[in-house]
Protein backbone atom coordinates (compact mmCIF):
# COMPACT_ATOMS: atom_id res chain seq x y z
CA UNK A 1 37.41 -29.16 -27.03
CA UNK A 2 38.92 -32.56 -26.31
CA UNK A 3 37.11 -35.30 -24.41
CA UNK A 4 39.31 -35.01 -21.25
CA UNK A 5 38.70 -31.26 -21.09
CA UNK A 6 34.95 -31.81 -21.50
CA UNK A 7 34.95 -34.44 -18.74
CA UNK A 8 36.88 -32.09 -16.44
CA UNK A 9 34.44 -29.25 -17.03
CA UNK A 10 31.45 -31.57 -16.57
CA UNK A 11 32.89 -32.99 -13.33
CA UNK A 12 33.13 -29.51 -11.82
CA UNK A 13 29.66 -28.45 -12.98
CA UNK A 14 27.88 -31.71 -12.14
CA UNK A 15 27.41 -31.13 -8.38
CA UNK A 16 25.86 -27.72 -9.08
CA UNK A 17 23.50 -29.33 -11.57
CA UNK A 18 22.76 -32.02 -9.00
CA UNK A 19 21.95 -29.40 -6.39
CA UNK A 20 19.50 -27.67 -8.74
CA UNK A 21 17.76 -30.94 -9.61
CA UNK A 22 17.59 -32.14 -6.00
CA UNK A 23 16.16 -28.85 -4.77
CA UNK A 24 13.59 -28.80 -7.58
CA UNK A 25 12.56 -32.45 -7.19
CA UNK A 26 9.49 -33.52 -5.21
CA UNK A 27 10.40 -34.12 -1.58
CA UNK A 28 9.63 -37.90 -1.51
CA UNK A 29 12.02 -38.54 -4.43
CA UNK A 30 14.75 -36.05 -3.51
CA UNK A 31 16.96 -38.54 -1.66
CA UNK A 32 16.89 -41.08 -4.49
CA UNK A 33 17.75 -38.41 -7.06
CA UNK A 34 20.54 -37.06 -4.83
CA UNK A 35 22.11 -40.52 -4.62
CA UNK A 36 22.02 -40.99 -8.39
CA UNK A 37 23.49 -37.55 -9.03
CA UNK A 38 26.24 -38.09 -6.46
CA UNK A 39 27.03 -41.52 -7.91
CA UNK A 40 27.38 -40.02 -11.39
CA UNK A 41 29.66 -37.36 -9.90
CA UNK A 42 31.90 -40.10 -8.48
CA UNK A 43 32.13 -41.74 -11.91
CA UNK A 44 33.07 -38.40 -13.51
CA UNK A 45 35.73 -37.73 -10.85
CA UNK A 46 37.27 -41.17 -11.42
CA UNK A 47 37.23 -40.57 -15.20
CA UNK A 48 39.03 -37.23 -14.77
CA UNK A 49 41.66 -38.95 -12.62
CA UNK A 50 42.23 -41.71 -15.19
CA UNK A 51 42.11 -39.37 -18.22
CA UNK A 52 43.50 -36.01 -17.10
CA UNK A 53 43.08 -32.89 -19.21
CA UNK A 54 46.66 -31.97 -20.12
CA UNK A 55 46.12 -29.62 -23.06
CA UNK A 56 46.88 -25.91 -22.89
CA UNK A 57 43.16 -25.18 -22.67
CA UNK A 58 43.04 -27.03 -19.36
CA UNK A 59 45.98 -25.28 -17.74
CA UNK A 60 45.28 -24.71 -14.05
CA UNK A 61 42.72 -27.47 -13.80
CA UNK A 62 44.96 -30.48 -13.21
CA UNK A 63 47.60 -29.74 -10.62
CA UNK A 64 48.92 -33.26 -10.09
CA UNK A 65 47.58 -36.81 -9.56
CA UNK A 66 47.24 -36.30 -5.80
CA UNK A 67 44.98 -33.30 -6.34
CA UNK A 68 42.84 -35.21 -8.85
CA UNK A 69 42.60 -38.20 -6.52
CA UNK A 70 41.67 -35.84 -3.69
CA UNK A 71 38.72 -34.58 -5.72
CA UNK A 72 37.66 -38.21 -6.15
CA UNK A 73 37.60 -38.48 -2.36
CA UNK A 74 35.44 -35.36 -2.10
CA UNK A 75 33.01 -36.87 -4.62
CA UNK A 76 32.72 -40.12 -2.66
CA UNK A 77 32.26 -38.12 0.53
CA UNK A 78 29.24 -36.45 -1.11
CA UNK A 79 27.83 -39.84 -2.12
CA UNK A 80 28.14 -41.18 1.41
CA UNK A 81 26.57 -38.04 2.88
CA UNK A 82 23.44 -38.25 0.73
CA UNK A 83 23.16 -42.01 1.27
CA UNK A 84 23.16 -41.56 5.05
CA UNK A 85 20.60 -38.76 5.11
CA UNK A 86 16.89 -39.27 5.05
CA UNK A 87 14.41 -37.17 3.14
CA UNK A 88 14.84 -33.50 4.02
CA UNK A 89 11.97 -31.03 3.83
CA UNK A 90 14.21 -27.95 3.58
CA UNK A 91 15.14 -27.48 -0.08
CA UNK A 92 18.24 -25.36 0.57
CA UNK A 93 19.58 -27.80 3.17
CA UNK A 94 18.87 -30.65 0.77
CA UNK A 95 21.13 -29.13 -1.89
CA UNK A 96 23.86 -27.87 0.45
CA UNK A 97 26.13 -30.98 0.27
CA UNK A 98 26.19 -30.76 -3.53
CA UNK A 99 26.86 -27.01 -3.60
CA UNK A 100 29.58 -27.14 -0.93
CA UNK A 101 31.29 -30.03 -2.74
CA UNK A 102 31.11 -28.17 -6.06
CA UNK A 103 32.57 -24.96 -4.63
CA UNK A 104 35.35 -26.69 -2.70
CA UNK A 105 36.25 -28.71 -5.80
CA UNK A 106 36.57 -25.49 -7.78
CA UNK A 107 38.68 -23.96 -5.00
CA UNK A 108 41.18 -26.79 -5.31
CA UNK A 109 41.76 -26.19 -9.04
CA UNK A 110 41.85 -22.39 -9.10
CA UNK A 111 45.11 -21.31 -10.85
CA UNK A 112 45.77 -18.78 -8.07
CA UNK A 113 45.40 -19.97 -4.43
CA UNK A 114 43.96 -16.56 -3.55
CA UNK A 115 41.06 -17.24 -5.91
CA UNK A 116 40.63 -20.67 -4.30
CA UNK A 117 40.43 -19.09 -0.86
CA UNK A 118 37.81 -16.66 -2.15
CA UNK A 119 35.72 -19.60 -3.40
CA UNK A 120 36.06 -21.27 0.01
CA UNK A 121 34.78 -18.08 1.63
CA UNK A 122 31.79 -18.12 -0.71
CA UNK A 123 31.09 -21.76 0.22
CA UNK A 124 31.32 -20.88 3.91
CA UNK A 125 29.02 -17.88 3.53
CA UNK A 126 26.39 -19.89 1.66
CA UNK A 127 26.51 -22.73 4.18
CA UNK A 128 26.16 -20.36 7.12
CA UNK A 129 23.24 -18.66 5.36
CA UNK A 130 21.48 -22.02 5.06
CA UNK A 131 22.21 -22.92 8.69
CA UNK A 132 21.24 -19.59 10.22
CA UNK A 133 17.84 -19.12 8.53
CA UNK A 134 15.83 -20.78 11.35
CA UNK A 135 14.89 -18.47 14.20
CA UNK A 136 17.48 -18.30 16.95
CA UNK A 137 20.39 -19.61 14.84
CA UNK A 138 21.93 -16.27 13.88
CA UNK A 139 24.47 -16.30 16.72
CA UNK A 140 25.62 -19.84 15.90
CA UNK A 141 25.94 -18.90 12.23
CA UNK A 142 28.00 -15.85 13.10
CA UNK A 143 30.37 -17.99 15.19
CA UNK A 144 30.93 -20.37 12.27
CA UNK A 145 31.57 -17.68 9.67
CA UNK A 146 33.84 -15.80 12.06
CA UNK A 147 36.11 -18.79 12.67
CA UNK A 148 36.31 -19.71 9.00
CA UNK A 149 36.87 -16.13 7.87
CA UNK A 150 39.68 -15.64 10.37
CA UNK A 151 41.40 -18.73 8.96
CA UNK A 152 41.04 -17.48 5.39
CA UNK A 153 42.28 -14.01 6.40
CA UNK A 154 45.39 -15.52 8.01
CA UNK A 155 46.21 -17.54 4.90
CA UNK A 156 45.71 -14.51 2.67
CA UNK A 157 47.91 -12.41 4.93
CA UNK A 158 50.65 -15.00 4.73
CA UNK A 159 50.42 -15.05 0.93
CA UNK A 160 51.03 -11.30 0.86
CA UNK A 161 54.29 -11.66 2.82
CA UNK A 162 57.59 -12.64 1.15
CA UNK A 163 57.69 -16.24 0.03
CA UNK A 164 59.53 -18.59 2.38
CA UNK A 165 59.67 -16.18 5.30
CA UNK A 166 58.89 -17.41 8.80
CA UNK A 167 55.97 -14.97 9.40
CA UNK A 168 54.35 -16.01 6.11
CA UNK A 169 54.70 -19.71 6.89
CA UNK A 170 53.35 -19.38 10.43
CA UNK A 171 50.35 -17.27 9.42
CA UNK A 172 49.44 -19.59 6.56
CA UNK A 173 49.79 -22.67 8.75
CA UNK A 174 47.61 -21.19 11.51
CA UNK A 175 44.94 -20.29 8.97
CA UNK A 176 44.91 -23.72 7.35
CA UNK A 177 44.75 -25.45 10.73
CA UNK A 178 41.61 -23.45 11.49
CA UNK A 179 40.11 -24.14 8.06
CA UNK A 180 40.76 -27.87 8.38
CA UNK A 181 38.80 -27.91 11.64
CA UNK A 182 41.71 -29.32 13.59
CA UNK A 183 40.97 -29.96 17.25
CA UNK A 184 41.11 -27.71 19.27
CA UNK A 185 42.01 -24.90 16.88
CA UNK A 186 39.28 -25.09 14.26
CA UNK A 187 35.54 -25.04 13.74
CA UNK A 188 33.17 -25.90 16.55
CA UNK A 189 30.49 -28.23 15.15
CA UNK A 190 27.21 -27.86 16.98
CA UNK A 191 24.67 -29.60 14.80
CA UNK A 192 24.71 -32.79 12.76
CA UNK A 193 23.89 -30.81 9.62
CA UNK A 194 27.19 -28.91 9.94
CA UNK A 195 28.96 -31.85 8.30
CA UNK A 196 27.13 -31.03 5.04
CA UNK A 197 29.48 -28.06 4.77
CA UNK A 198 32.58 -28.97 6.77
CA UNK A 199 33.37 -32.40 5.32
CA UNK A 200 34.23 -31.02 1.84
CA UNK A 201 35.37 -27.68 3.28
CA UNK A 202 38.05 -29.23 5.47
CA UNK A 203 39.01 -31.62 2.67
CA UNK A 204 39.61 -28.69 0.32
CA UNK A 205 41.72 -26.97 2.99
CA UNK A 206 43.97 -30.05 3.15
CA UNK A 207 44.35 -30.12 -0.63
CA UNK A 208 45.11 -26.39 -0.73
CA UNK A 209 47.78 -26.81 1.96
CA UNK A 210 49.80 -28.96 -0.45
CA UNK A 211 49.81 -26.18 -3.04
CA UNK A 212 50.69 -23.50 -0.49
CA UNK A 213 53.73 -25.36 0.83
CA UNK A 214 56.01 -23.78 -1.77
CA UNK A 215 55.17 -20.28 -0.57
CA UNK A 216 55.20 -21.12 3.15
CA UNK A 217 58.65 -22.66 3.32
CA UNK A 218 60.19 -24.47 6.27
CA UNK A 219 58.26 -22.55 8.93
CA UNK A 220 55.00 -23.57 7.26
CA UNK A 221 55.93 -27.24 7.27
CA UNK A 222 57.14 -27.19 10.87
CA UNK A 223 54.00 -25.42 12.09
CA UNK A 224 51.73 -27.94 10.35
CA UNK A 225 53.60 -30.87 11.88
CA UNK A 226 53.51 -29.28 15.35
CA UNK A 227 49.78 -28.48 15.18
CA UNK A 228 48.95 -31.93 13.83
CA UNK A 229 51.02 -33.64 16.51
CA UNK A 230 49.36 -31.58 19.27
CA UNK A 231 45.92 -32.56 17.93
CA UNK A 232 46.92 -36.24 17.71
CA UNK A 233 47.95 -36.30 21.36
CA UNK A 234 44.90 -34.33 22.49
CA UNK A 235 42.71 -36.91 20.73
CA UNK A 236 44.72 -39.81 22.14
CA UNK A 237 44.30 -38.53 25.70
CA UNK A 238 40.60 -37.63 25.37
CA UNK A 239 39.29 -40.99 26.57
CA UNK A 240 36.28 -43.04 25.46
CA UNK A 241 33.54 -40.61 26.46
CA UNK A 242 31.21 -38.89 24.02
CA UNK A 243 33.45 -35.82 24.19
CA UNK A 244 36.42 -38.01 23.33
CA UNK A 245 34.62 -39.33 20.26
CA UNK A 246 33.81 -35.75 19.24
CA UNK A 247 37.51 -34.93 19.32
CA UNK A 248 38.37 -38.20 17.60
CA UNK A 249 36.51 -37.35 14.41
CA UNK A 250 39.24 -34.91 13.32
CA UNK A 251 42.04 -37.44 13.93
CA UNK A 252 42.68 -38.13 10.20
CA UNK A 253 42.86 -34.39 9.51
CA UNK A 254 45.61 -34.06 12.12
CA UNK A 255 47.60 -36.90 10.54
CA UNK A 256 47.00 -35.42 7.07
CA UNK A 257 48.49 -32.06 8.11
CA UNK A 258 51.51 -33.85 9.58
CA UNK A 259 51.88 -35.64 6.24
CA UNK A 260 51.66 -32.36 4.31
CA UNK A 261 54.32 -30.82 6.55
CA UNK A 262 56.59 -33.84 6.05
CA UNK A 263 56.09 -33.82 2.27
CA UNK A 264 54.18 -37.11 2.24
CA UNK A 265 51.35 -36.00 -0.06
CA UNK A 266 50.19 -39.52 -0.93
CA UNK A 267 49.86 -40.33 2.78
CA UNK A 268 47.85 -37.13 3.20
CA UNK A 269 45.59 -38.32 0.37
CA UNK A 270 44.93 -41.59 2.20
CA UNK A 271 44.08 -39.74 5.40
CA UNK A 272 41.80 -37.48 3.36
CA UNK A 273 40.02 -40.62 2.18
CA UNK A 274 39.43 -41.58 5.81
CA UNK A 275 38.22 -38.05 6.62
CA UNK A 276 35.71 -37.93 3.75
CA UNK A 277 34.34 -41.44 4.27
CA UNK A 278 34.60 -42.05 8.03
CA UNK A 279 35.06 -38.61 9.59
CA UNK A 280 32.58 -36.14 10.93
CA UNK A 281 29.61 -37.55 12.80
CA UNK A 282 30.38 -41.08 11.59
CA UNK A 283 33.26 -41.40 14.05
CA UNK A 284 31.05 -42.92 16.73
CA UNK A 285 30.24 -45.96 14.61
CA UNK A 286 32.16 -49.18 14.88
CA UNK A 287 33.50 -49.35 11.32
CA UNK A 288 34.31 -45.65 11.27
CA UNK A 289 36.21 -45.84 14.56
CA UNK A 290 38.36 -48.63 13.15
CA UNK A 291 39.08 -46.68 9.99
CA UNK A 292 39.89 -43.41 11.75
CA UNK A 293 42.11 -45.16 14.29
CA UNK A 294 44.17 -46.59 11.41
CA UNK A 295 43.18 -50.23 11.86
CA UNK A 296 44.26 -52.37 8.88
CA UNK A 297 43.61 -52.77 6.00
CA UNK A 298 41.96 -49.44 5.16
CA UNK A 299 43.41 -46.33 3.58
CA UNK A 300 44.37 -44.56 6.87
CA UNK A 301 46.41 -47.61 7.95
CA UNK A 302 48.38 -47.57 4.69
CA UNK A 303 48.70 -43.81 5.07
CA UNK A 304 50.31 -44.33 8.48
CA UNK A 305 52.91 -46.64 6.98
CA UNK A 306 53.74 -44.15 4.23
CA UNK A 307 53.81 -41.25 6.68
CA UNK A 308 56.18 -42.96 9.10
CA UNK A 309 58.52 -43.94 6.25
CA UNK A 310 58.73 -40.27 5.21
CA UNK A 311 58.68 -38.82 8.72
CA UNK A 312 61.71 -40.84 9.79
CA UNK A 313 63.78 -38.86 7.28
CA UNK A 314 62.27 -35.60 8.55
CA UNK A 315 62.80 -36.08 12.32
CA UNK A 316 63.21 -39.20 14.46
CA UNK A 317 61.89 -37.53 17.60
CA UNK A 318 58.70 -36.43 15.82
CA UNK A 319 58.38 -39.94 14.38
CA UNK A 320 58.50 -41.51 17.84
CA UNK A 321 55.93 -39.03 19.20
CA UNK A 322 53.65 -39.65 16.23
CA UNK A 323 53.84 -43.43 16.58
CA UNK A 324 53.11 -43.20 20.31
CA UNK A 325 50.17 -40.85 19.69
CA UNK A 326 48.68 -43.14 17.03
CA UNK A 327 49.02 -46.20 19.27
CA UNK A 328 47.34 -44.37 22.16
CA UNK A 329 44.52 -43.30 19.84
CA UNK A 330 44.08 -46.88 18.65
CA UNK A 331 43.69 -48.06 22.23
CA UNK A 332 41.33 -45.20 23.11
CA UNK A 333 39.16 -45.84 20.05
CA UNK A 334 38.14 -49.30 21.33
CA UNK A 335 35.02 -48.94 23.52
CA UNK A 336 35.06 -50.35 27.03
CA UNK A 337 32.62 -53.09 26.01
CA UNK A 338 34.57 -53.72 22.80
CA UNK A 339 33.35 -53.52 19.24
CA UNK A 340 29.87 -54.95 19.29
CA UNK A 341 29.27 -54.83 15.54
CA UNK A 342 30.67 -56.97 12.77
CA UNK A 343 33.49 -55.72 10.61
CA UNK A 344 31.09 -55.43 7.65
CA UNK A 345 28.50 -52.67 8.24
CA UNK A 346 24.82 -53.44 7.93
CA UNK A 347 23.86 -50.19 6.18
CA UNK A 348 24.54 -49.49 2.50
CA UNK A 349 26.46 -46.27 3.18
CA UNK A 350 28.83 -48.02 5.56
CA UNK A 351 29.44 -50.80 3.04
CA UNK A 352 30.28 -48.31 0.32
CA UNK A 353 32.63 -46.48 2.67
CA UNK A 354 34.44 -49.62 3.79
CA UNK A 355 34.78 -50.85 0.19
CA UNK A 356 36.28 -47.56 -0.99
CA UNK A 357 38.59 -47.34 2.02
CA UNK A 358 39.98 -50.84 1.44
CA UNK A 359 40.25 -50.41 -2.33
CA UNK A 360 42.03 -47.08 -1.92
CA UNK A 361 44.43 -48.62 0.60
CA UNK A 362 45.38 -51.33 -1.92
CA UNK A 363 45.27 -49.34 -5.16
CA UNK A 364 47.23 -46.22 -4.11
CA UNK A 365 50.46 -48.13 -3.22
CA UNK A 366 50.06 -50.07 -6.47
CA UNK A 367 49.67 -46.81 -8.38
CA UNK A 368 52.82 -45.49 -6.67
CA UNK A 369 54.77 -48.53 -7.87
CA UNK A 370 53.48 -47.97 -11.39
CA UNK A 371 54.53 -44.30 -11.28
CA UNK A 372 51.06 -42.74 -11.26
CA UNK A 373 51.99 -40.53 -8.27
């Protein structure tokens, strides 16, 4: 076994090992151990991106550089999640971010997308089991697993239809929109802990959508662009209320699906970076609002530039609607009283997120010029 293959295998197994150690650790030290394990997972993910396993033994693991970089984003999303959380008494809830990240990472590298969807279903079932254990939560858990399972069923149904046909593309696109949690079509998040599952889950759905594009054909791409554009405008018109901020947290996912439909995979990767590091319940914070609204110089801003350069070749009318929707969202993201915090966050998690967002925004275009993507 070569070193790159060993690193790839270790990167996929590390979050599961981290979950076992975190759940077995004494409660007072669990958060510190979780941070160290997640940080090591980030280092492994970066190593796999820089030194991909290209031998025959690793066939099916490394799809392309965008997929490998996407798994780096999932790893950093896990790090930020455990840094933001305090000490949790519930052992299963404590290990859920690691397990969901591990399963979604495996789903992205499954040789057959059907196997990847099955792994996503397993991640959803385990997360719902953890959420629904407290008394009175069974109904909420059933609602979550129902929505996710319907999305997976639609994608599977589309895969069974002839490749490139309009019904196959439409069914797959509808399923992926639901899996990505796109407003208003996807998951309904009720509790703050839901992000432990849905941040990596929706990220994996975006990465899988790039692989499914070949089977879906033109109808698949058009449906993704239409759904993403509808979500962008719904977010842009939502206003500055708490409900508007709740809708705003899926804004990068909407732009990422538009990018996938337009064939701009690198732009989708940059939006995925914004989703993993600033999405979810972080959208109400000052630095996160700037990142999600595509303020410069972070990764989503660079993603917008790449997306618009590709979208103009796809359709000028869609380009104009997308630009207008983004500008409206930028205006809506500024609170009435303005941003009251400094550009540099005061908490360690926010600083890590802002650093990674800015570095990704600078390094990805440089890597494109050097031919890495």
